[in-house]
PDB file of N, CA and C in Angstrom:
ATOM      1  N   MET A   1      73.131  52.754 100.395  1.00  0.00           N
ATOM      2  CA  MET A   1      74.010  53.442  99.487  1.00  0.00           C
ATOM      3  C   MET A   1      75.544  52.870 100.085  1.00  0.00           C
ATOM      4  N   ASN A   2      75.944  53.194 101.243  1.00  0.00           N
ATOM      5  CA  ASN A   2      77.113  52.457 102.335  1.00  0.00           C
ATOM      6  C   ASN A   2      78.306  52.479 101.283  1.00  0.00           C
ATOM      7  N   GLU A   3      78.765  53.658 100.740  1.00  0.00           N
ATOM      8  CA  GLU A   3      79.770  54.051 100.154  1.00  0.00           C
ATOM      9  C   GLU A   3      80.963  54.298 101.020  1.00  0.00           C
ATOM     10  N   THR A   4      82.143  54.208 100.604  1.00  0.00           N
ATOM     11  CA  THR A   4      83.430  54.844 101.538  1.00  0.00           C
ATOM     12  C   THR A   4      83.688  55.805 100.947  1.00  0.00           C
ATOM     13  N   PHE A   5      84.895  56.615 101.453  1.00  0.00           N
ATOM     14  CA  PHE A   5      85.056  57.856 100.815  1.00  0.00           C
ATOM     15  C   PHE A   5      86.396  57.300  99.860  1.00  0.00           C
ATOM     16  N   HIS A   6      86.727  58.427  98.827  1.00  0.00           N
ATOM     17  CA  HIS A   6      87.719  57.903  97.952  1.00  0.00           C
ATOM     18  C   HIS A   6      89.047  58.669  98.611  1.00  0.00           C
ATOM     19  N   VAL A   7      90.196  58.359  98.392  1.00  0.00           N
ATOM     20  CA  VAL A   7      91.604  58.932  98.369  1.00  0.00           C
ATOM     21  C   VAL A   7      91.704  59.667  97.273  1.00  0.00           C
ATOM     22  N   MET A   8      92.026  60.871  96.620  1.00  0.00           N
ATOM     23  CA  MET A   8      92.228  61.237  95.233  1.00  0.00           C
ATOM     24  C   MET A   8      93.392  60.976  94.770  1.00  0.00           C
ATOM     25  N   GLU A   9      94.369  61.138  95.679  1.00  0.00           N
ATOM     26  CA  GLU A   9      95.851  60.699  95.295  1.00  0.00           C
ATOM     27  C   GLU A   9      96.782  59.857  96.116  1.00  0.00           C
ATOM     28  N   ARG A  10      97.404  58.809  96.027  1.00  0.00           N
ATOM     29  CA  ARG A  10      98.367  57.926  96.832  1.00  0.00           C
ATOM     30  C   ARG A  10      99.511  59.240  97.515  1.00  0.00           C
ATOM     31  N   GLY A  11     100.208  59.728  96.350  1.00  0.00           N
ATOM     32  CA  GLY A  11     101.194  61.000  96.824  1.00  0.00           C
ATOM     33  C   GLY A  11     102.736  59.819  96.888  1.00  0.00           C
ATOM     34  N   GLU A  12     103.533  60.957  97.104  1.00  0.00           N
ATOM     35  CA  GLU A  12     104.993  60.141  97.481  1.00  0.00           C
ATOM     36  C   GLU A  12     105.261  59.632  98.606  1.00  0.00           C
ATOM     37  N   PRO A  13     106.179  58.583  98.853  1.00  0.00           N
ATOM     38  CA  PRO A  13     106.480  57.857  99.872  1.00  0.00           C
ATOM     39  C   PRO A  13     106.637  58.838 101.285  1.00  0.00           C
ATOM     40  N   GLU A  14     107.255  60.039 100.896  1.00  0.00           N
ATOM     41  CA  GLU A  14     107.777  60.855 102.018  1.00  0.00           C
ATOM     42  C   GLU A  14     106.395  61.671 102.481  1.00  0.00           C
ATOM     43  N   GLU A  15     105.366  61.254 101.916  1.00  0.00           N
ATOM     44  CA  GLU A  15     104.182  61.975 102.182  1.00  0.00           C
ATOM     45  C   GLU A  15     103.154  61.187 102.970  1.00  0.00           C
ATOM     46  N   ALA A  16     103.872  60.480 103.770  1.00  0.00           N
ATOM     47  CA  ALA A  16     102.979  59.153 104.361  1.00  0.00           C
ATOM     48  C   ALA A  16     102.421  59.679 105.396  1.00  0.00           C
ATOM     49  N   SER A  17     102.608  60.541 105.922  1.00  0.00           N
ATOM     50  CA  SER A  17     101.866  61.411 107.119  1.00  0.00           C
ATOM     51  C   SER A  17     100.570  62.204 106.743  1.00  0.00           C
ATOM     52  N   GLU A  18     100.574  62.724 105.431  1.00  0.00           N
ATOM     53  CA  GLU A  18      99.439  63.265 104.885  1.00  0.00           C
ATOM     54  C   GLU A  18      98.728  62.353 104.156  1.00  0.00           C
ATOM     55  N   LEU A  19      99.044  61.228 103.934  1.00  0.00           N
ATOM     56  CA  LEU A  19      98.089  60.330 103.422  1.00  0.00           C
ATOM     57  C   LEU A  19      97.527  59.680 104.650  1.00  0.00           C
ATOM     58  N   ALA A  20      97.975  59.502 105.875  1.00  0.00           N
ATOM     59  CA  ALA A  20      97.460  58.842 107.035  1.00  0.00           C
ATOM     60  C   ALA A  20      96.741  59.685 107.455  1.00  0.00           C
ATOM     61  N   ILE A  21      96.878  61.114 107.313  1.00  0.00           N
ATOM     62  CA  ILE A  21      95.608  62.138 107.875  1.00  0.00           C
ATOM     63  C   ILE A  21      94.951  62.184 107.234  1.00  0.00           C
ATOM     64  N   ALA A  22      95.045  62.330 105.888  1.00  0.00           N
ATOM     65  CA  ALA A  22      93.606  62.160 104.897  1.00  0.00           C
ATOM     66  C   ALA A  22      92.733  60.828 104.865  1.00  0.00           C
ATOM     67  N   ILE A  23      93.236  59.664 105.258  1.00  0.00           N
ATOM     68  CA  ILE A  23      92.721  58.701 105.612  1.00  0.00           C
ATOM     69  C   ILE A  23      91.861  58.670 106.602  1.00  0.00           C
ATOM     70  N   ALA A  24      92.276  59.401 107.722  1.00  0.00           N
ATOM     71  CA  ALA A  24      91.529  59.517 109.258  1.00  0.00           C
ATOM     72  C   ALA A  24      90.474  60.746 109.106  1.00  0.00           C
ATOM     73  N   VAL A  25      90.671  61.301 108.097  1.00  0.00           N
ATOM     74  CA  VAL A  25      89.789  62.369 108.167  1.00  0.00           C
ATOM     75  C   VAL A  25      88.487  61.907 107.321  1.00  0.00           C
ATOM     76  N   GLY A  26      88.623  61.218 106.211  1.00  0.00           N
ATOM     77  CA  GLY A  26      87.890  60.579 105.509  1.00  0.00           C
ATOM     78  C   GLY A  26      87.109  59.223 106.424  1.00  0.00           C
ATOM     79  N   GLU A  27      87.855  58.504 107.181  1.00  0.00           N
ATOM     80  CA  GLU A  27      87.170  57.393 107.847  1.00  0.00           C
ATOM     81  C   GLU A  27      86.029  58.035 109.295  1.00  0.00           C
ATOM     82  N   ALA A  28      86.739  59.621 109.668  1.00  0.00           N
ATOM     83  CA  ALA A  28      85.775  60.298 110.683  1.00  0.00           C
ATOM     84  C   ALA A  28      84.663  60.573 109.684  1.00  0.00           C
ATOM     85  N   LEU A  29      84.591  61.117 108.464  1.00  0.00           N
ATOM     86  CA  LEU A  29      83.536  61.799 107.777  1.00  0.00           C
ATOM     87  C   LEU A  29      82.802  60.486 107.515  1.00  0.00           C
ATOM     88  N   ASN A  30      83.224  59.981 106.991  1.00  0.00           N
ATOM     89  CA  ASN A  30      82.297  58.534 106.413  1.00  0.00           C
ATOM     90  C   ASN A  30      81.508  57.851 107.730  1.00  0.00           C
ATOM     91  N   SER A  31      82.192  57.657 109.009  1.00  0.00           N
ATOM     92  CA  SER A  31      81.391  57.402 110.103  1.00  0.00           C
ATOM     93  C   SER A  31      80.120  58.004 110.490  1.00  0.00           C
ATOM     94  N   GLU A  32      80.771  59.372 110.426  1.00  0.00           N
ATOM     95  CA  GLU A  32      79.792  60.304 111.204  1.00  0.00           C
ATOM     96  C   GLU A  32      78.632  60.758 110.088  1.00  0.00           C
ATOM     97  N   TYR A  33      78.715  60.852 108.806  1.00  0.00           N
ATOM     98  CA  TYR A  33      78.083  61.424 107.661  1.00  0.00           C
ATOM     99  C   TYR A  33      77.925  60.182 106.749  1.00  0.00           C
ATOM    100  N   PRO A  34      77.558  58.972 107.022  1.00  0.00           N
ATOM    101  CA  PRO A  34      77.772  58.311 105.921  1.00  0.00           C
ATOM    102  C   PRO A  34      76.978  58.343 104.856  1.00  0.00           C
ATOM    103  N   ASN A  35      77.268  57.610 103.532  1.00  0.00           N
ATOM    104  CA  ASN A  35      76.811  57.785 102.438  1.00  0.00           C
ATOM    105  C   ASN A  35      76.747  59.175 101.594  1.00  0.00           C
ATOM    106  N   HIS A  36      77.524  60.040 102.157  1.00  0.00           N
ATOM    107  CA  HIS A  36      77.870  61.353 101.793  1.00  0.00           C
ATOM    108  C   HIS A  36      78.772  60.800 100.624  1.00  0.00           C
ATOM    109  N   PRO A  37      79.305  61.567  99.618  1.00  0.00           N
ATOM    110  CA  PRO A  37      80.054  61.299  98.536  1.00  0.00           C
ATOM    111  C   PRO A  37      81.335  62.013  98.770  1.00  0.00           C
ATOM    112  N   TRP A  38      81.970  61.612  99.929  1.00  0.00           N
ATOM    113  CA  TRP A  38      83.213  62.313  99.991  1.00  0.00           C
ATOM    114  C   TRP A  38      84.506  61.770  99.422  1.00  0.00           C
ATOM    115  N   VAL A  39      85.538  63.103  98.973  1.00  0.00           N
ATOM    116  CA  VAL A  39      86.682  62.692  98.473  1.00  0.00           C
ATOM    117  C   VAL A  39      87.795  63.615  99.391  1.00  0.00           C
ATOM    118  N   VAL A  40      88.758  62.761  99.696  1.00  0.00           N
ATOM    119  CA  VAL A  40      89.704  63.411 100.492  1.00  0.00           C
ATOM    120  C   VAL A  40      91.224  63.017 100.032  1.00  0.00           C
ATOM    121  N   GLY A  41      91.788  64.112 100.179  1.00  0.00           N
ATOM    122  CA  GLY A  41      93.412  63.897  99.633  1.00  0.00           C
ATOM    123  C   GLY A  41      94.113  65.165 100.617  1.00  0.00           C
ATOM    124  N   PHE A  42      95.267  65.266  99.864  1.00  0.00           N
ATOM    125  CA  PHE A  42      96.360  66.094 100.783  1.00  0.00           C
ATOM    126  C   PHE A  42      97.079  66.933  99.401  1.00  0.00           C
ATOM    127  N   GLN A  43      97.367  68.012 100.043  1.00  0.00           N
ATOM    128  CA  GLN A  43      98.204  69.135  99.103  1.00  0.00           C
ATOM    129  C   GLN A  43      98.702  70.124  99.753  1.00  0.00           C
ATOM    130  N   GLY A  44     100.107  70.393  99.773  1.00  0.00           N
ATOM    131  CA  GLY A  44     100.611  71.582 100.393  1.00  0.00           C
ATOM    132  C   GLY A  44     100.753  71.424 101.519  1.00  0.00           C
ATOM    133  N   GLY A  45     100.442  70.302 102.300  1.00  0.00           N
ATOM    134  CA  GLY A  45     100.742  69.968 103.493  1.00  0.00           C
ATOM    135  C   GLY A  45      99.232  70.182 104.187  1.00  0.00           C
ATOM    136  N   GLY A  46      98.083  70.232 103.314  1.00  0.00           N
ATOM    137  CA  GLY A  46      96.697  70.383 104.315  1.00  0.00           C
ATOM    138  C   GLY A  46      96.072  69.112 103.723  1.00  0.00           C
ATOM    139  N   ILE A  47      95.048  69.163 103.925  1.00  0.00           N
ATOM    140  CA  ILE A  47      93.919  68.269 103.717  1.00  0.00           C
ATOM    141  C   ILE A  47      92.905  68.858 102.960  1.00  0.00           C
ATOM    142  N   VAL A  48      92.387  68.013 101.793  1.00  0.00           N
ATOM    143  CA  VAL A  48      91.708  68.702 100.760  1.00  0.00           C
ATOM    144  C   VAL A  48      90.731  67.637 100.650  1.00  0.00           C
ATOM    145  N   VAL A  49      89.075  68.184 101.397  1.00  0.00           N
ATOM    146  CA  VAL A  49      87.960  67.416 101.288  1.00  0.00           C
ATOM    147  C   VAL A  49      87.099  68.198 100.588  1.00  0.00           C
ATOM    148  N   ARG A  50      86.387  67.536  99.644  1.00  0.00           N
ATOM    149  CA  ARG A  50      85.403  67.691  98.798  1.00  0.00           C
ATOM    150  C   ARG A  50      83.800  66.530  98.676  1.00  0.00           C
ATOM    151  N   HIS A  51      82.790  67.355  98.730  1.00  0.00           N
ATOM    152  CA  HIS A  51      81.783  66.521  98.858  1.00  0.00           C
ATOM    153  C   HIS A  51      81.284  66.852  97.629  1.00  0.00           C
ATOM    154  N   LEU A  52      81.180  65.905  96.786  1.00  0.00           N
ATOM    155  CA  LEU A  52      81.025  65.735  94.902  1.00  0.00           C
ATOM    156  C   LEU A  52      79.667  66.444  94.680  1.00  0.00           C
ATOM    157  N   ILE A  53      78.505  65.911  95.546  1.00  0.00           N
ATOM    158  CA  ILE A  53      77.251  66.462  95.418  1.00  0.00           C
ATOM    159  C   ILE A  53      77.326  68.016  95.275  1.00  0.00           C
ATOM    160  N   ILE A  54      78.118  68.856  96.475  1.00  0.00           N
ATOM    161  CA  ILE A  54      78.228  69.874  96.889  1.00  0.00           C
ATOM    162  C   ILE A  54      79.009  70.573  95.621  1.00  0.00           C
ATOM    163  N   ALA A  55      80.062  69.876  95.258  1.00  0.00           N
ATOM    164  CA  ALA A  55      80.441  70.747  94.589  1.00  0.00           C
ATOM    165  C   ALA A  55      80.026  70.761  92.757  1.00  0.00           C
ATOM    166  N   ALA A  56      79.094  69.723  92.593  1.00  0.00           N
ATOM    167  CA  ALA A  56      78.480  70.004  91.398  1.00  0.00           C
ATOM    168  C   ALA A  56      77.647  70.890  91.041  1.00  0.00           C
ATOM    169  N   GLU A  57      77.199  70.928  92.672  1.00  0.00           N
ATOM    170  CA  GLU A  57      75.724  72.131  92.809  1.00  0.00           C
ATOM    171  C   GLU A  57      76.533  73.333  92.358  1.00  0.00           C
ATOM    172  N   VAL A  58      77.813  73.589  92.959  1.00  0.00           N
ATOM    173  CA  VAL A  58      78.455  74.920  93.202  1.00  0.00           C
ATOM    174  C   VAL A  58      78.667  75.352  91.581  1.00  0.00           C
ATOM    175  N   GLU A  59      79.390  73.918  90.835  1.00  0.00           N
ATOM    176  CA  GLU A  59      79.582  74.260  89.597  1.00  0.00           C
ATOM    177  C   GLU A  59      78.735  74.595  88.923  1.00  0.00           C
ATOM    178  N   LYS A  60      77.322  74.242  88.866  1.00  0.00           N
ATOM    179  CA  LYS A  60      75.991  74.747  88.145  1.00  0.00           C
ATOM    180  C   LYS A  60      75.968  76.416  88.422  1.00  0.00           C
ATOM    181  N   VAL A  61      76.182  76.613  89.785  1.00  0.00           N
ATOM    182  CA  VAL A  61      75.896  77.534  90.287  1.00  0.00           C
ATOM    183  C   VAL A  61      76.976  78.935  89.562  1.00  0.00           C
ATOM    184  N   ILE A  62      78.172  78.643  90.035  1.00  0.00           N
ATOM    185  CA  ILE A  62      79.289  79.710  89.455  1.00  0.00           C
ATOM    186  C   ILE A  62      79.947  79.754  88.409  1.00  0.00           C
ATOM    187  N   GLY A  63      79.687  78.296  87.758  1.00  0.00           N
ATOM    188  CA  GLY A  63      80.227  78.362  86.403  1.00  0.00           C
ATOM    189  C   GLY A  63      81.845  77.496  86.745  1.00  0.00           C
ATOM    190  N   LYS A  64      82.388  77.160  87.981  1.00  0.00           N
ATOM    191  CA  LYS A  64      83.402  76.879  88.259  1.00  0.00           C
ATOM    192  C   LYS A  64      83.773  75.209  88.786  1.00  0.00           C
ATOM    193  N   GLY A  65      84.625  74.805  88.339  1.00  0.00           N
ATOM    194  CA  GLY A  65      84.013  73.448  89.036  1.00  0.00           C
ATOM    195  C   GLY A  65      85.658  72.969  89.633  1.00  0.00           C
ATOM    196  N   GLY A  66      85.507  72.043  90.200  1.00  0.00           N
ATOM    197  CA  GLY A  66      86.695  71.876  91.444  1.00  0.00           C
ATOM    198  C   GLY A  66      86.548  72.416  92.784  1.00  0.00           C
ATOM    199  N   PHE A  67      85.315  72.671  93.392  1.00  0.00           N
ATOM    200  CA  PHE A  67      85.019  73.034  94.583  1.00  0.00           C
ATOM    201  C   PHE A  67      85.225  72.260  95.570  1.00  0.00           C
ATOM    202  N   SER A  68      86.604  72.430  96.385  1.00  0.00           N
ATOM    203  CA  SER A  68      86.640  71.497  97.819  1.00  0.00           C
ATOM    204  C   SER A  68      87.199  72.483  98.765  1.00  0.00           C
ATOM    205  N   SER A  69      87.674  72.003  99.976  1.00  0.00           N
ATOM    206  CA  SER A  69      87.653  72.850 101.224  1.00  0.00           C
ATOM    207  C   SER A  69      89.303  72.518 101.495  1.00  0.00           C
ATOM    208  N   LEU A  70      90.084  73.220 102.036  1.00  0.00           N
ATOM    209  CA  LEU A  70      91.310  73.054 102.217  1.00  0.00           C
ATOM    210  C   LEU A  70      91.469  73.276 104.178  1.00  0.00           C
ATOM    211  N   LEU A  71      91.822  71.816 104.585  1.00  0.00           N
ATOM    212  CA  LEU A  71      91.972  72.024 106.208  1.00  0.00           C
ATOM    213  C   LEU A  71      93.189  71.995 106.425  1.00  0.00           C
ATOM    214  N   PRO A  72      93.790  72.996 106.831  1.00  0.00           N
ATOM    215  CA  PRO A  72      95.193  72.954 107.010  1.00  0.00           C
ATOM    216  C   PRO A  72      95.859  72.340 107.952  1.00  0.00           C
ATOM    217  N   LYS A  73      96.534  71.318 108.079  1.00  0.00           N
ATOM    218  CA  LYS A  73      97.104  70.206 108.619  1.00  0.00           C
ATOM    219  C   LYS A  73      97.307  70.716 110.136  1.00  0.00           C
ATOM    220  N   ASP A  74      98.097  71.846 110.103  1.00  0.00           N
ATOM    221  CA  ASP A  74      98.490  72.335 111.318  1.00  0.00           C
ATOM    222  C   ASP A  74      97.336  72.872 112.374  1.00  0.00           C
ATOM    223  N   ARG A  75      96.095  72.927 111.429  1.00  0.00           N
ATOM    224  CA  ARG A  75      94.845  73.302 112.312  1.00  0.00           C
ATOM    225  C   ARG A  75      93.832  72.342 112.930  1.00  0.00           C
ATOM    226  N   LEU A  76      94.326  71.023 112.486  1.00  0.00           N
ATOM    227  CA  LEU A  76      93.748  69.571 112.656  1.00  0.00           C
ATOM    228  C   LEU A  76      93.933  69.083 113.797  1.00  0.00           C
ATOM    229  N   GLY A  77      94.721  69.693 114.697  1.00  0.00           N
ATOM    230  CA  GLY A  77      95.400  69.231 116.116  1.00  0.00           C
ATOM    231  C   GLY A  77      95.985  67.703 115.882  1.00  0.00           C
ATOM    232  N   THR A  78      96.162  67.282 117.284  1.00  0.00           N
ATOM    233  CA  THR A  78      96.904  65.965 117.109  1.00  0.00           C
ATOM    234  C   THR A  78      96.069  64.943 116.591  1.00  0.00           C
ATOM    235  N   PRO A  79      97.109  63.720 116.287  1.00  0.00           N
ATOM    236  CA  PRO A  79      96.126  62.493 115.657  1.00  0.00           C
ATOM    237  C   PRO A  79      95.039  62.425 116.359  1.00  0.00           C
ATOM    238  N   LYS A  80      94.628  62.370 117.878  1.00  0.00           N
ATOM    239  CA  LYS A  80      93.561  62.241 118.514  1.00  0.00           C
ATOM    240  C   LYS A  80      92.157  63.392 118.020  1.00  0.00           C
ATOM    241  N   GLU A  81      92.887  64.647 118.008  1.00  0.00           N
ATOM    242  CA  GLU A  81      91.767  65.441 117.460  1.00  0.00           C
ATOM    243  C   GLU A  81      91.416  65.593 116.109  1.00  0.00           C
ATOM    244  N   ILE A  82      92.212  64.601 115.454  1.00  0.00           N
ATOM    245  CA  ILE A  82      91.728  65.036 113.791  1.00  0.00           C
ATOM    246  C   ILE A  82      90.163  64.472 113.550  1.00  0.00           C
ATOM    247  N   ARG A  83      90.074  63.528 114.113  1.00  0.00           N
ATOM    248  CA  ARG A  83      88.486  63.038 114.204  1.00  0.00           C
ATOM    249  C   ARG A  83      87.619  63.840 114.469  1.00  0.00           C
ATOM    250  N   SER A  84      87.505  64.891 115.506  1.00  0.00           N
ATOM    251  CA  SER A  84      86.755  65.656 116.055  1.00  0.00           C
ATOM    252  C   SER A  84      86.717  67.215 114.848  1.00  0.00           C
ATOM    253  N   SER A  85      87.833  67.604 114.555  1.00  0.00           N
ATOM    254  CA  SER A  85      87.968  68.398 113.547  1.00  0.00           C
ATOM    255  C   SER A  85      87.506  68.139 112.403  1.00  0.00           C
ATOM    256  N   ALA A  86      87.262  66.765 111.773  1.00  0.00           N
ATOM    257  CA  ALA A  86      86.942  66.792 110.463  1.00  0.00           C
ATOM    258  C   ALA A  86      85.478  66.534 110.681  1.00  0.00           C
ATOM    259  N   ILE A  87      84.768  65.966 112.016  1.00  0.00           N
ATOM    260  CA  ILE A  87      83.445  65.650 112.439  1.00  0.00           C
ATOM    261  C   ILE A  87      83.030  67.135 112.087  1.00  0.00           C
ATOM    262  N   GLU A  88      83.758  68.321 112.982  1.00  0.00           N
ATOM    263  CA  GLU A  88      83.149  69.546 112.894  1.00  0.00           C
ATOM    264  C   GLU A  88      83.065  70.364 111.818  1.00  0.00           C
ATOM    265  N   PHE A  89      84.041  69.947 110.939  1.00  0.00           N
ATOM    266  CA  PHE A  89      84.299  71.062 109.895  1.00  0.00           C
ATOM    267  C   PHE A  89      83.288  70.158 108.810  1.00  0.00           C
ATOM    268  N   GLY A  90      82.633  68.843 108.635  1.00  0.00           N
ATOM    269  CA  GLY A  90      82.330  68.416 107.802  1.00  0.00           C
ATOM    270  C   GLY A  90      80.379  68.545 108.108  1.00  0.00           C
ATOM    271  N   GLY A  91      80.257  68.659 108.978  1.00  0.00           N
ATOM    272  CA  GLY A  91      79.201  69.302 109.610  1.00  0.00           C
ATOM    273  C   GLY A  91      78.721  70.665 109.431  1.00  0.00           C
ATOM    274  N   GLN A  92      79.900  71.602 109.625  1.00  0.00           N
ATOM    275  CA  GLN A  92      79.696  72.748 109.019  1.00  0.00           C
ATOM    276  C   GLN A  92      79.431  73.074 107.610  1.00  0.00           C
ATOM    277  N   LEU A  93      80.072  72.133 106.935  1.00  0.00           N
ATOM    278  CA  LEU A  93      79.855  72.340 105.392  1.00  0.00           C
ATOM    279  C   LEU A  93      78.480  71.921 104.702  1.00  0.00           C
ATOM    280  N   LEU A  94      78.155  70.875 105.598  1.00  0.00           N
ATOM    281  CA  LEU A  94      76.764  70.104 105.066  1.00  0.00           C
ATOM    282  C   LEU A  94      75.627  71.223 105.293  1.00  0.00           C
ATOM    283  N   GLU A  95      75.612  71.845 106.780  1.00  0.00           N
ATOM    284  CA  GLU A  95      75.029  72.853 107.127  1.00  0.00           C
ATOM    285  C   GLU A  95      74.914  74.034 106.406  1.00  0.00           C
ATOM    286  N   THR A  96      75.934  74.564 105.874  1.00  0.00           N
ATOM    287  CA  THR A  96      76.356  75.848 104.853  1.00  0.00           C
ATOM    288  C   THR A  96      75.421  75.478 103.827  1.00  0.00           C
ATOM    289  N   PHE A  97      75.526  74.474 103.380  1.00  0.00           N
ATOM    290  CA  PHE A  97      74.840  74.216 102.214  1.00  0.00           C
ATOM    291  C   PHE A  97      73.412  73.731 102.174  1.00  0.00           C
ATOM    292  N   GLY A  98      72.861  73.780 103.265  1.00  0.00           N
ATOM    293  CA  GLY A  98      71.365  73.431 103.790  1.00  0.00           C
ATOM    294  C   GLY A  98      71.354  72.020 103.819  1.00  0.00           C
ATOM    295  N   MET A  99      72.233  71.151 104.141  1.00  0.00           N
ATOM    296  CA  MET A  99      71.944  69.653 104.158  1.00  0.00           C
ATOM    297  C   MET A  99      71.843  69.479 105.727  1.00  0.00           C
ATOM    298  N   LYS A 100      71.324  68.482 106.107  1.00  0.00           N
ATOM    299  CA  LYS A 100      71.432  67.788 107.600  1.00  0.00           C
ATOM    300  C   LYS A 100      72.457  66.984 107.754  1.00  0.00           C
ATOM    301  N   ARG A 101      72.878  67.251 109.227  1.00  0.00           N
ATOM    302  CA  ARG A 101      73.780  66.102 109.912  1.00  0.00           C
ATOM    303  C   ARG A 101      73.421  64.789 109.683  1.00  0.00           C
ATOM    304  N   GLY A 102      74.480  63.859 109.774  1.00  0.00           N
ATOM    305  CA  GLY A 102      73.750  62.399 109.620  1.00  0.00           C
ATOM    306  C   GLY A 102      74.140  61.845 108.515  1.00  0.00           C
ATOM    307  N   ALA A 103      73.467  60.325 107.892  1.00  0.00           N
ATOM    308  CA  ALA A 103      73.425  60.000 106.857  1.00  0.00           C
ATOM    309  C   ALA A 103      72.602  60.726 105.898  1.00  0.00           C
ATOM    310  N   TRP A 104      73.049  60.545 104.522  1.00  0.00           N
ATOM    311  CA  TRP A 104      72.569  61.060 103.366  1.00  0.00           C
ATOM    312  C   TRP A 104      71.671  59.998 102.630  1.00  0.00           C
ATOM    313  N   ASP A 105      70.633  60.629 102.365  1.00  0.00           N
ATOM    314  CA  ASP A 105      69.287  59.453 101.963  1.00  0.00           C
ATOM    315  C   ASP A 105      69.742  59.440 100.251  1.00  0.00           C
ATOM    316  N   GLY A 106      70.466  60.226  99.737  1.00  0.00           N
ATOM    317  CA  GLY A 106      70.572  60.073  98.499  1.00  0.00           C
ATOM    318  C   GLY A 106      69.584  60.904  97.781  1.00  0.00           C
ATOM    319  N   ASP A 107      68.903  62.062  97.813  1.00  0.00           N
ATOM    320  CA  ASP A 107      67.520  62.641  97.864  1.00  0.00           C
ATOM    321  C   ASP A 107      67.923  64.073  97.950  1.00  0.00           C
ATOM    322  N   GLU A 108      68.289  63.984  99.499  1.00  0.00           N
ATOM    323  CA  GLU A 108      68.335  65.807  99.454  1.00  0.00           C
ATOM    324  C   GLU A 108      69.859  66.091  98.885  1.00  0.00           C
ATOM    325  N   GLN A 109      69.065  67.631  98.205  1.00  0.00           N
ATOM    326  CA  GLN A 109      70.302  68.201  97.348  1.00  0.00           C
ATOM    327  C   GLN A 109      70.729  69.679  98.127  1.00  0.00           C
ATOM    328  N   PRO A 110      72.065  69.567  98.161  1.00  0.00           N
ATOM    329  CA  PRO A 110      72.410  71.186  98.404  1.00  0.00           C
ATOM    330  C   PRO A 110      72.185  72.384  97.865  1.00  0.00           C
ATOM    331  N   ILE A 111      71.823  73.578  98.745  1.00  0.00           N
ATOM    332  CA  ILE A 111      71.500  74.943  98.200  1.00  0.00           C
ATOM    333  C   ILE A 111      72.858  75.726  98.447  1.00  0.00           C
ATOM    334  N   VAL A 112      73.322  76.073  97.058  1.00  0.00           N
ATOM    335  CA  VAL A 112      74.348  76.748  97.125  1.00  0.00           C
ATOM    336  C   VAL A 112      73.935  78.426  97.581  1.00  0.00           C
ATOM    337  N   PRO A 113      74.737  79.160  98.539  1.00  0.00           N
ATOM    338  CA  PRO A 113      74.239  80.150  99.820  1.00  0.00           C
ATOM    339  C   PRO A 113      74.487  81.379  99.059  1.00  0.00           C
ATOM    340  N   GLY A 114      73.715  81.976  98.281  1.00  0.00           N
ATOM    341  CA  GLY A 114      73.687  82.860  97.196  1.00  0.00           C
ATOM    342  C   GLY A 114      75.082  83.462  96.788  1.00  0.00           C
ATOM    343  N   TRP A 115      75.481  82.401  96.072  1.00  0.00           N
ATOM    344  CA  TRP A 115      76.731  82.422  95.241  1.00  0.00           C
ATOM    345  C   TRP A 115      75.988  82.535  93.497  1.00  0.00           C
ATOM    346  N   HIS A 116      76.873  83.374  92.871  1.00  0.00           N
ATOM    347  CA  HIS A 116      76.280  83.336  91.372  1.00  0.00           C
ATOM    348  C   HIS A 116      77.531  83.351  90.328  1.00  0.00           C
ATOM    349  N   ARG A 117      77.048  83.086  89.439  1.00  0.00           N
ATOM    350  CA  ARG A 117      78.376  83.301  88.446  1.00  0.00           C
ATOM    351  C   ARG A 117      78.803  84.782  88.252  1.00  0.00           C
ATOM    352  N   GLY A 118      80.192  84.707  87.765  1.00  0.00           N
ATOM    353  CA  GLY A 118      80.593  86.133  88.099  1.00  0.00           C
ATOM    354  C   GLY A 118      81.497  86.449  89.139  1.00  0.00           C
ATOM    355  N   LYS A 119      81.031  85.414  90.306  1.00  0.00           N
ATOM    356  CA  LYS A 119      81.972  85.868  91.741  1.00  0.00           C
ATOM    357  C   LYS A 119      83.160  84.821  91.769  1.00  0.00           C
ATOM    358  N   GLN A 120      83.068  84.130  90.734  1.00  0.00           N
ATOM    359  CA  GLN A 120      83.682  82.768  90.815  1.00  0.00           C
ATOM    360  C   GLN A 120      85.596  83.280  91.347  1.00  0.00           C
ATOM    361  N   LYS A 121      85.825  84.571  90.850  1.00  0.00           N
ATOM    362  CA  LYS A 121      87.218  85.369  91.131  1.00  0.00           C
ATOM    363  C   LYS A 121      87.292  85.358  92.756  1.00  0.00           C
ATOM    364  N   ASP A 122      86.238  85.213  93.815  1.00  0.00           N
ATOM    365  CA  ASP A 122      86.099  85.036  95.027  1.00  0.00           C
ATOM    366  C   ASP A 122      86.372  83.927  95.817  1.00  0.00           C
ATOM    367  N   PHE A 123      86.493  82.735  94.602  1.00  0.00           N
ATOM    368  CA  PHE A 123      86.883  81.513  94.797  1.00  0.00           C
ATOM    369  C   PHE A 123      87.958  80.647  94.415  1.00  0.00           C
ATOM    370  N   HIS A 124      88.853  79.632  95.321  1.00  0.00           N
ATOM    371  CA  HIS A 124      89.833  79.683  95.040  1.00  0.00           C
ATOM    372  C   HIS A 124      89.818  77.799  95.321  1.00  0.00           C
TER     373      HIS A 124
END
């Protein structure tokens, strides 16, 4: 599979630092967890990370699309710490949904942990 991550949007020229951080996060995720369908972007000064397979499963279970995670830019640390922050976040996300860390084989499917329709008001 050996796919790369995708940047959701390029943004405005003044958002160059957010784009650079989004690219660094995507590169770290793709390097540590290859073949996973990561989509990375930025919004409101934070980095938005979506795992497309996890997002699809969440939508099936709770009936609400667009599941993603927001990493506040100020919590990612220095540019040198961004890689570590992204790798830790990605691993925790995979484990939360019952997936193993490492390369994705294309067969392993996430398990949505105890969520159900009607609880979508709790998710942003």
